[in-house]
Protein backbone atom coordinates (compact mmCIF):
# COMPACT_ATOMS: atom_id res chain seq x y z
CA MET A 1 -61.04 -44.29 36.19
CA PRO A 2 -59.06 -43.96 32.95
CA ALA A 3 -59.04 -40.40 31.60
CA ARG A 4 -60.49 -41.17 28.19
CA THR A 5 -63.48 -43.21 29.32
CA GLN A 6 -67.11 -42.20 29.17
CA ALA A 7 -67.19 -42.18 32.98
CA ALA A 8 -64.34 -39.64 33.08
CA ARG A 9 -66.09 -37.43 30.52
CA ASP A 10 -69.35 -37.66 32.50
CA TRP A 11 -67.49 -36.74 35.68
CA PHE A 12 -66.03 -33.64 34.02
CA ARG A 13 -69.40 -32.56 32.61
CA GLN A 14 -70.97 -32.92 36.05
CA LYS A 15 -68.20 -30.75 37.55
CA ALA A 16 -68.85 -28.09 34.91
CA ARG A 17 -72.60 -28.10 35.73
CA GLU A 18 -71.80 -27.71 39.43
CA GLN A 19 -69.64 -24.66 38.76
CA ARG A 20 -72.46 -22.18 39.25
CA SER A 21 -73.28 -23.31 42.77
CA ALA A 22 -70.15 -24.97 44.12
CA ALA A 23 -67.30 -22.81 42.88
CA VAL A 24 -65.73 -19.89 44.70
CA TYR A 25 -64.78 -16.45 43.47
CA PRO A 26 -61.25 -15.05 43.14
CA ALA A 27 -61.96 -12.33 45.72
CA ASN A 28 -62.07 -15.04 48.39
CA ILE A 29 -58.66 -16.50 47.70
CA ILE A 30 -56.58 -17.80 50.60
CA LYS A 31 -58.94 -17.28 53.47
CA ASP A 32 -58.81 -19.26 56.68
CA SER A 33 -62.17 -20.95 56.35
CA ASP A 34 -63.68 -23.72 54.26
CA SER A 35 -64.70 -23.74 50.63
CA LYS A 36 -68.34 -24.41 51.45
CA LYS A 37 -68.34 -20.80 52.61
CA GLY A 38 -66.91 -19.69 49.28
CA ARG A 39 -63.22 -19.65 50.12
CA VAL A 40 -60.19 -21.29 48.59
CA LEU A 41 -57.92 -23.28 50.91
CA ILE A 42 -54.26 -24.17 50.82
CA GLY A 43 -53.66 -27.82 50.00
CA ARG A 44 -56.82 -28.33 47.97
CA MET A 45 -57.07 -28.95 44.22
CA TYR A 46 -58.79 -26.37 42.00
CA HIS A 47 -59.53 -25.81 38.34
CA PHE A 48 -60.16 -22.32 36.92
CA GLN A 49 -59.71 -20.11 33.88
CA TYR A 50 -56.76 -17.73 33.80
CA GLU A 51 -55.38 -15.03 31.49
CA PRO A 52 -51.86 -13.87 32.51
CA LYS A 53 -51.15 -10.16 32.78
CA THR A 54 -48.00 -10.60 30.69
CA ALA A 55 -49.40 -13.15 28.23
CA ASP A 56 -47.75 -11.34 25.33
CA LYS A 57 -44.30 -11.79 26.92
CA LEU A 58 -44.67 -15.42 27.97
CA PRO A 59 -43.51 -18.22 25.66
CA TYR A 60 -46.71 -20.11 26.63
CA TYR A 61 -49.27 -20.42 29.41
CA ASP A 62 -52.17 -22.61 30.51
CA ARG A 63 -55.62 -20.99 30.24
CA PHE A 64 -57.26 -23.67 32.45
CA PRO A 65 -54.85 -24.49 35.28
CA LEU A 66 -55.37 -27.50 37.53
CA ILE A 67 -53.56 -26.59 40.71
CA PHE A 68 -52.92 -27.47 44.27
CA MET A 69 -53.17 -24.19 46.14
CA VAL A 70 -49.82 -23.52 47.83
CA GLY A 71 -50.32 -20.14 49.49
CA PRO A 72 -50.66 -16.39 49.15
CA ALA A 73 -48.34 -14.40 46.89
CA PRO A 74 -48.02 -10.70 46.07
CA GLY A 75 -51.25 -9.80 44.27
CA GLY A 76 -52.51 -13.37 44.23
CA PHE A 77 -51.42 -16.89 45.06
CA TYR A 78 -48.96 -19.68 44.32
CA GLY A 79 -50.11 -22.95 42.84
CA VAL A 80 -48.68 -26.21 41.57
CA ASN A 81 -50.17 -26.50 38.06
CA LEU A 82 -50.10 -30.20 37.23
CA HIS A 83 -50.75 -29.54 33.55
CA TYR A 84 -47.11 -28.53 33.06
CA LEU A 85 -46.13 -32.20 33.39
CA PRO A 86 -46.89 -35.03 30.98
CA PRO A 87 -49.30 -37.60 32.46
CA LYS A 88 -46.62 -40.07 33.64
CA LEU A 89 -44.74 -37.37 35.52
CA ARG A 90 -48.01 -36.01 36.96
CA ALA A 91 -48.63 -39.46 38.39
CA ARG A 92 -45.14 -39.62 39.89
CA LEU A 93 -45.51 -36.18 41.46
CA MET A 94 -48.98 -37.08 42.75
CA ASP A 95 -47.64 -40.26 44.35
CA SER A 96 -45.15 -38.10 46.27
CA LEU A 97 -47.79 -35.51 47.18
CA TYR A 98 -50.00 -38.20 48.71
CA GLU A 99 -47.28 -38.61 51.33
CA ILE A 100 -48.03 -35.10 52.65
CA LYS A 101 -51.81 -35.38 52.89
CA ASN A 102 -53.23 -34.53 56.29
CA ASN A 103 -55.32 -37.72 56.64
CA SER A 104 -56.35 -40.91 54.87
CA ARG A 105 -60.11 -40.37 54.92
CA TYR A 106 -60.35 -38.83 51.43
CA ASP A 107 -63.30 -36.70 52.41
CA GLU A 108 -63.98 -32.94 52.64
CA THR A 109 -61.28 -32.61 55.33
CA THR A 110 -58.49 -34.14 53.23
CA LYS A 111 -55.89 -31.74 51.84
CA LEU A 112 -52.16 -31.54 51.31
CA ARG A 113 -49.83 -30.02 53.90
CA ILE A 114 -48.06 -28.13 51.16
CA SER A 115 -45.68 -25.20 50.98
CA TYR A 116 -42.79 -24.17 48.76
CA GLU A 117 -40.39 -25.07 51.56
CA ILE A 118 -41.76 -28.62 51.83
CA LEU A 119 -41.71 -29.13 48.07
CA ASN A 120 -38.20 -27.76 47.70
CA SER A 121 -36.79 -29.71 50.65
CA SER A 122 -36.84 -33.21 49.19
CA SER A 123 -35.77 -34.82 45.94
CA LYS A 124 -38.97 -36.91 45.95
CA PHE A 125 -40.81 -33.70 44.95
CA LYS A 126 -38.34 -32.77 42.19
CA PHE A 127 -41.08 -32.82 39.55
CA PHE A 128 -42.79 -29.80 41.14
CA LYS A 129 -40.28 -27.23 39.86
CA PRO A 130 -41.79 -26.54 36.41
CA THR A 131 -45.31 -26.60 37.89
CA PHE A 132 -44.85 -23.91 40.55
CA LYS A 133 -46.60 -20.76 39.31
CA HIS A 134 -47.57 -17.32 40.60
CA TYR A 135 -51.14 -16.35 39.67
CA LEU A 136 -52.59 -12.84 39.98
CA SER A 137 -56.08 -12.79 41.49
CA SER A 138 -57.13 -10.01 39.12
CA ASN A 139 -56.43 -12.26 36.11
CA VAL A 140 -58.55 -15.21 37.21
CA ARG A 141 -61.42 -15.30 34.70
CA SER A 142 -63.79 -17.80 36.31
CA LYS A 143 -64.91 -19.25 39.57
CA PHE A 144 -62.69 -21.83 41.21
CA ILE A 145 -63.97 -25.39 40.96
CA GLU A 146 -62.75 -27.47 43.88
CA ILE A 147 -61.85 -31.05 43.06
CA ASN A 148 -62.65 -33.40 45.94
CA SER A 149 -59.79 -35.55 47.19
CA THR A 150 -61.62 -38.69 46.04
CA GLU A 151 -61.44 -37.29 42.49
CA TRP A 152 -57.84 -36.03 42.38
CA ASP A 153 -56.63 -38.96 40.30
CA VAL A 154 -59.45 -38.55 37.78
CA ALA A 155 -58.81 -34.81 37.36
CA LEU A 156 -55.08 -35.42 37.11
CA PHE A 157 -55.41 -37.33 33.84
CA LEU A 158 -58.22 -35.46 32.12
CA PRO A 159 -56.87 -33.53 29.11
CA THR A 160 -58.13 -30.13 30.28
CA GLU A 161 -54.88 -28.22 29.75
CA ARG A 162 -55.16 -25.42 27.20
CA PHE A 163 -51.71 -24.14 26.46
CA MET A 164 -51.58 -20.95 24.48
CA LYS A 165 -48.70 -20.04 22.12
CA ALA A 166 -47.18 -23.55 22.20
CA LYS A 167 -48.21 -27.17 21.91
CA LYS A 168 -48.29 -29.28 25.06
CA THR A 169 -45.44 -31.41 23.72
CA ARG A 170 -43.15 -28.37 23.79
CA VAL A 171 -44.33 -27.38 27.28
CA TRP A 172 -43.73 -30.90 28.57
CA SER A 173 -40.32 -31.06 26.89
CA ASP A 174 -39.32 -27.77 28.55
CA SER A 175 -40.60 -29.08 31.89
CA ARG A 176 -38.50 -32.23 31.59
CA LYS A 177 -35.45 -30.03 30.98
CA ARG A 178 -36.17 -27.98 34.12
CA ILE A 179 -36.41 -31.11 36.24
């Protein structure tokens, strides 16, 4: 589904309406259970609102990250924020990430077998480097909205990034340099 179609916009609006009942709270980050019980799982895609603790010191940041949850981190969690790549590079990274999915059913059990070690071990994942971020749980400002595996490609191309202190063209240029 192309990102700028009415169907894509309708999909996003529906996800926003579902936020009240389907999303999970930051206090339940990285628990060994499933998201239907209000917990965030490694290898799943999430969208949320975030305000960095050191926002005044950062050159820029994304207020609405779209991440694959990578794992726990001091005070929070690590995530691969796909917004830090321009759409074509997001697609290339996503093509590589599909190779580490745990199954081909694309249902509620589908997730990525993801870790920093896996991402850093192969040149096919080279686009991940500018996307790997450390998020503090205390600075998450919304519930987490889980994106089902059947909808990963739709979410990937929706223009939901909200970079603060810089335009997305600068962020994407800096990301290309880091790659």
